[in-house]
Amino acid sequence: MKVIEIAFTGYPVTDLPRARTFYEEVLGLVPSWVNGTEETAWVEYQIGQSVLALSNVAKEWQPSADGPSVSLEVEDFEQAIQELQTQHVTFSIEPFETKVCHMAVIADPDGNGLIIHKRKS
């Protein structure tokens, strides 16, 4: 087998309208494809060459703070952190710096972890 790319990163959610409000209004993502109804669907957000998908179509697939997380590269780290704090987003790990990047971990309304990330030049 030869893996050639990551097709998508998927996050299970329990309340799709609430999740979409967070991902679209707080994070500023724009849906690129929606399959289903307003209440139950598979929603995709094209981010560069990658896709982040949200869904509540499989009851066996439940959100978890202990699950995998996607890292969202932002243009301006400090500005992104300020915007998230202003909107009272929960930080699982407060912003910190490494030798190669800045990052923080936030939680979506279901507790799924998202890394806010900025590479150093």
C-alpha atoms as a PDB file:
ATOM      1  CA  MET A   1       0.000   0.000   0.000  1.00  0.00           C
ATOM      2  CA  LYS A   2       1.130   3.526  -0.781  1.00  0.00           C
ATOM      3  CA  VAL A   3      -0.727   6.358   0.967  1.00  0.00           C
ATOM      4  CA  ILE A   4      -0.664   9.453  -1.240  1.00  0.00           C
ATOM      5  CA  GLU A   5      -2.562  12.029   0.835  1.00  0.00           C
ATOM      6  CA  ILE A   6      -5.006  12.534   3.682  1.00  0.00           C
ATOM      7  CA  ALA A   7      -8.474  12.597   2.123  1.00  0.00           C
ATOM      8  CA  PHE A   8     -10.151  14.341   5.060  1.00  0.00           C
ATOM      9  CA  THR A   9     -10.121  14.749   8.809  1.00  0.00           C
ATOM     10  CA  GLY A  10     -13.522  14.015  10.326  1.00  0.00           C
ATOM     11  CA  TYR A  11     -15.027  15.174  13.606  1.00  0.00           C
ATOM     12  CA  PRO A  12     -18.181  13.680  15.087  1.00  0.00           C
ATOM     13  CA  VAL A  13     -20.626  16.198  16.556  1.00  0.00           C
ATOM     14  CA  THR A  14     -23.860  15.821  18.510  1.00  0.00           C
ATOM     15  CA  ASP A  15     -25.639  19.054  17.569  1.00  0.00           C
ATOM     16  CA  LEU A  16     -24.949  19.908  13.933  1.00  0.00           C
ATOM     17  CA  PRO A  17     -26.451  23.433  13.886  1.00  0.00           C
ATOM     18  CA  ARG A  18     -24.434  24.346  17.014  1.00  0.00           C
ATOM     19  CA  ALA A  19     -21.262  22.837  15.525  1.00  0.00           C
ATOM     20  CA  ARG A  20     -21.755  24.666  12.232  1.00  0.00           C
ATOM     21  CA  THR A  21     -22.203  27.957  14.077  1.00  0.00           C
ATOM     22  CA  PHE A  22     -18.866  27.375  15.835  1.00  0.00           C
ATOM     23  CA  TYR A  23     -16.915  26.263  12.752  1.00  0.00           C
ATOM     24  CA  GLU A  24     -18.446  28.855  10.427  1.00  0.00           C
ATOM     25  CA  GLU A  25     -18.948  31.901  12.653  1.00  0.00           C
ATOM     26  CA  VAL A  26     -16.146  31.490  15.210  1.00  0.00           C
ATOM     27  CA  LEU A  27     -13.493  29.853  12.996  1.00  0.00           C
ATOM     28  CA  GLY A  28     -14.660  31.504   9.775  1.00  0.00           C
ATOM     29  CA  LEU A  29     -14.808  28.320   7.688  1.00  0.00           C
ATOM     30  CA  VAL A  30     -17.056  28.131   4.618  1.00  0.00           C
ATOM     31  CA  PRO A  31     -18.787  24.839   3.762  1.00  0.00           C
ATOM     32  CA  SER A  32     -17.652  23.366   0.454  1.00  0.00           C
ATOM     33  CA  TRP A  33     -20.110  20.443   0.437  1.00  0.00           C
ATOM     34  CA  VAL A  34     -23.132  19.441   2.534  1.00  0.00           C
ATOM     35  CA  ASN A  35     -24.932  16.101   2.265  1.00  0.00           C
ATOM     36  CA  GLY A  36     -28.053  15.742   4.398  1.00  0.00           C
ATOM     37  CA  THR A  37     -30.474  17.967   6.223  1.00  0.00           C
ATOM     38  CA  GLU A  38     -29.994  20.965   8.477  1.00  0.00           C
ATOM     39  CA  GLU A  39     -30.163  18.660  11.514  1.00  0.00           C
ATOM     40  CA  THR A  40     -28.327  15.531  10.279  1.00  0.00           C
ATOM     41  CA  ALA A  41     -25.598  15.752   7.658  1.00  0.00           C
ATOM     42  CA  TRP A  42     -22.012  15.382   6.523  1.00  0.00           C
ATOM     43  CA  VAL A  43     -20.489  18.869   6.125  1.00  0.00           C
ATOM     44  CA  GLU A  44     -17.103  19.485   4.497  1.00  0.00           C
ATOM     45  CA  TYR A  45     -14.850  22.541   4.697  1.00  0.00           C
ATOM     46  CA  GLN A  46     -12.067  22.785   2.110  1.00  0.00           C
ATOM     47  CA  ILE A  47      -8.971  24.278   3.780  1.00  0.00           C
ATOM     48  CA  GLY A  48      -6.136  24.558   1.277  1.00  0.00           C
ATOM     49  CA  GLN A  49      -5.546  21.052  -0.058  1.00  0.00           C
ATOM     50  CA  SER A  50      -7.248  19.444   2.961  1.00  0.00           C
ATOM     51  CA  VAL A  51     -10.826  18.848   4.035  1.00  0.00           C
ATOM     52  CA  LEU A  52     -12.251  19.067   7.544  1.00  0.00           C
ATOM     53  CA  ALA A  53     -15.563  17.219   7.845  1.00  0.00           C
ATOM     54  CA  LEU A  54     -18.233  17.365  10.551  1.00  0.00           C
ATOM     55  CA  SER A  55     -20.991  14.817  10.896  1.00  0.00           C
ATOM     56  CA  ASN A  56     -23.655  13.416  13.155  1.00  0.00           C
ATOM     57  CA  VAL A  57     -24.919  10.710  10.780  1.00  0.00           C
ATOM     58  CA  ALA A  58     -23.374   7.730  12.623  1.00  0.00           C
ATOM     59  CA  LYS A  59     -24.556   7.364  16.224  1.00  0.00           C
ATOM     60  CA  GLU A  60     -21.590   5.022  16.899  1.00  0.00           C
ATOM     61  CA  TRP A  61     -19.153   7.859  16.136  1.00  0.00           C
ATOM     62  CA  GLN A  62     -19.091  10.093  19.217  1.00  0.00           C
ATOM     63  CA  PRO A  63     -17.067  13.213  20.066  1.00  0.00           C
ATOM     64  CA  SER A  64     -14.143  12.905  22.465  1.00  0.00           C
ATOM     65  CA  ALA A  65     -11.594  15.267  23.935  1.00  0.00           C
ATOM     66  CA  ASP A  66      -9.218  12.286  23.835  1.00  0.00           C
ATOM     67  CA  GLY A  67      -9.564  11.707  20.093  1.00  0.00           C
ATOM     68  CA  PRO A  68      -7.300  12.932  17.338  1.00  0.00           C
ATOM     69  CA  SER A  69      -7.194  16.607  16.515  1.00  0.00           C
ATOM     70  CA  VAL A  70      -6.539  18.709  13.470  1.00  0.00           C
ATOM     71  CA  SER A  71      -4.060  21.574  13.477  1.00  0.00           C
ATOM     72  CA  LEU A  72      -5.323  24.747  11.814  1.00  0.00           C
ATOM     73  CA  GLU A  73      -2.527  26.949  10.475  1.00  0.00           C
ATOM     74  CA  VAL A  74      -3.456  30.617  10.982  1.00  0.00           C
ATOM     75  CA  GLU A  75      -2.088  33.716   9.309  1.00  0.00           C
ATOM     76  CA  ASP A  76      -1.733  35.752  12.524  1.00  0.00           C
ATOM     77  CA  PHE A  77      -1.458  33.700  15.720  1.00  0.00           C
ATOM     78  CA  GLU A  78      -1.885  36.548  18.221  1.00  0.00           C
ATOM     79  CA  GLN A  79      -4.919  37.909  16.400  1.00  0.00           C
ATOM     80  CA  ALA A  80      -6.498  34.434  16.194  1.00  0.00           C
ATOM     81  CA  ILE A  81      -5.996  33.876  19.928  1.00  0.00           C
ATOM     82  CA  GLN A  82      -7.511  37.273  20.759  1.00  0.00           C
ATOM     83  CA  GLU A  83     -10.547  36.567  18.566  1.00  0.00           C
ATOM     84  CA  LEU A  84     -11.083  33.167  20.198  1.00  0.00           C
ATOM     85  CA  GLN A  85     -10.754  34.642  23.695  1.00  0.00           C
ATOM     86  CA  THR A  86     -13.215  37.423  22.826  1.00  0.00           C
ATOM     87  CA  GLN A  87     -15.721  34.769  21.749  1.00  0.00           C
ATOM     88  CA  HIS A  88     -15.163  32.840  25.019  1.00  0.00           C
ATOM     89  CA  VAL A  89     -13.857  29.713  23.294  1.00  0.00           C
ATOM     90  CA  THR A  90     -12.591  27.075  25.744  1.00  0.00           C
ATOM     91  CA  PHE A  91      -8.804  26.628  25.734  1.00  0.00           C
ATOM     92  CA  SER A  92      -7.703  23.095  26.662  1.00  0.00           C
ATOM     93  CA  ILE A  93      -4.071  24.206  26.443  1.00  0.00           C
ATOM     94  CA  GLU A  94      -3.258  27.904  26.654  1.00  0.00           C
ATOM     95  CA  PRO A  95      -1.067  29.443  23.926  1.00  0.00           C
ATOM     96  CA  PHE A  96       2.587  28.483  24.083  1.00  0.00           C
ATOM     97  CA  GLU A  97       5.711  28.715  21.959  1.00  0.00           C
ATOM     98  CA  THR A  98       8.193  26.099  20.784  1.00  0.00           C
ATOM     99  CA  LYS A  99      11.392  26.530  18.773  1.00  0.00           C
ATOM    100  CA  VAL A 100       9.456  26.091  15.532  1.00  0.00           C
ATOM    101  CA  CYS A 101       5.907  27.328  16.171  1.00  0.00           C
ATOM    102  CA  HIS A 102       3.219  28.898  18.322  1.00  0.00           C
ATOM    103  CA  MET A 103       0.175  26.834  19.263  1.00  0.00           C
ATOM    104  CA  ALA A 104      -2.825  26.482  21.531  1.00  0.00           C
ATOM    105  CA  VAL A 105      -5.511  23.824  21.842  1.00  0.00           C
ATOM    106  CA  ILE A 106      -9.179  24.800  21.872  1.00  0.00           C
ATOM    107  CA  ALA A 107     -12.353  22.746  22.187  1.00  0.00           C
ATOM    108  CA  ASP A 108     -15.353  22.842  19.888  1.00  0.00           C
ATOM    109  CA  PRO A 109     -18.819  22.744  21.516  1.00  0.00           C
ATOM    110  CA  ASP A 110     -18.630  18.919  21.722  1.00  0.00           C
ATOM    111  CA  GLY A 111     -15.176  18.923  23.330  1.00  0.00           C
ATOM    112  CA  ASN A 112     -13.268  17.863  20.200  1.00  0.00           C
ATOM    113  CA  GLY A 113      -9.756  19.330  20.257  1.00  0.00           C
ATOM    114  CA  LEU A 114      -8.491  21.736  17.608  1.00  0.00           C
ATOM    115  CA  ILE A 115      -4.939  23.051  17.493  1.00  0.00           C
ATOM    116  CA  ILE A 116      -4.493  26.678  16.519  1.00  0.00           C
ATOM    117  CA  HIS A 117      -1.023  26.791  14.989  1.00  0.00           C
ATOM    118  CA  LYS A 118       1.480  29.174  13.407  1.00  0.00           C
ATOM    119  CA  ARG A 119       4.837  28.055  12.048  1.00  0.00           C
ATOM    120  CA  LYS A 120       7.794  30.331  12.633  1.00  0.00           C
ATOM    121  CA  SER A 121       9.541  31.559   9.508  1.00  0.00           C
END
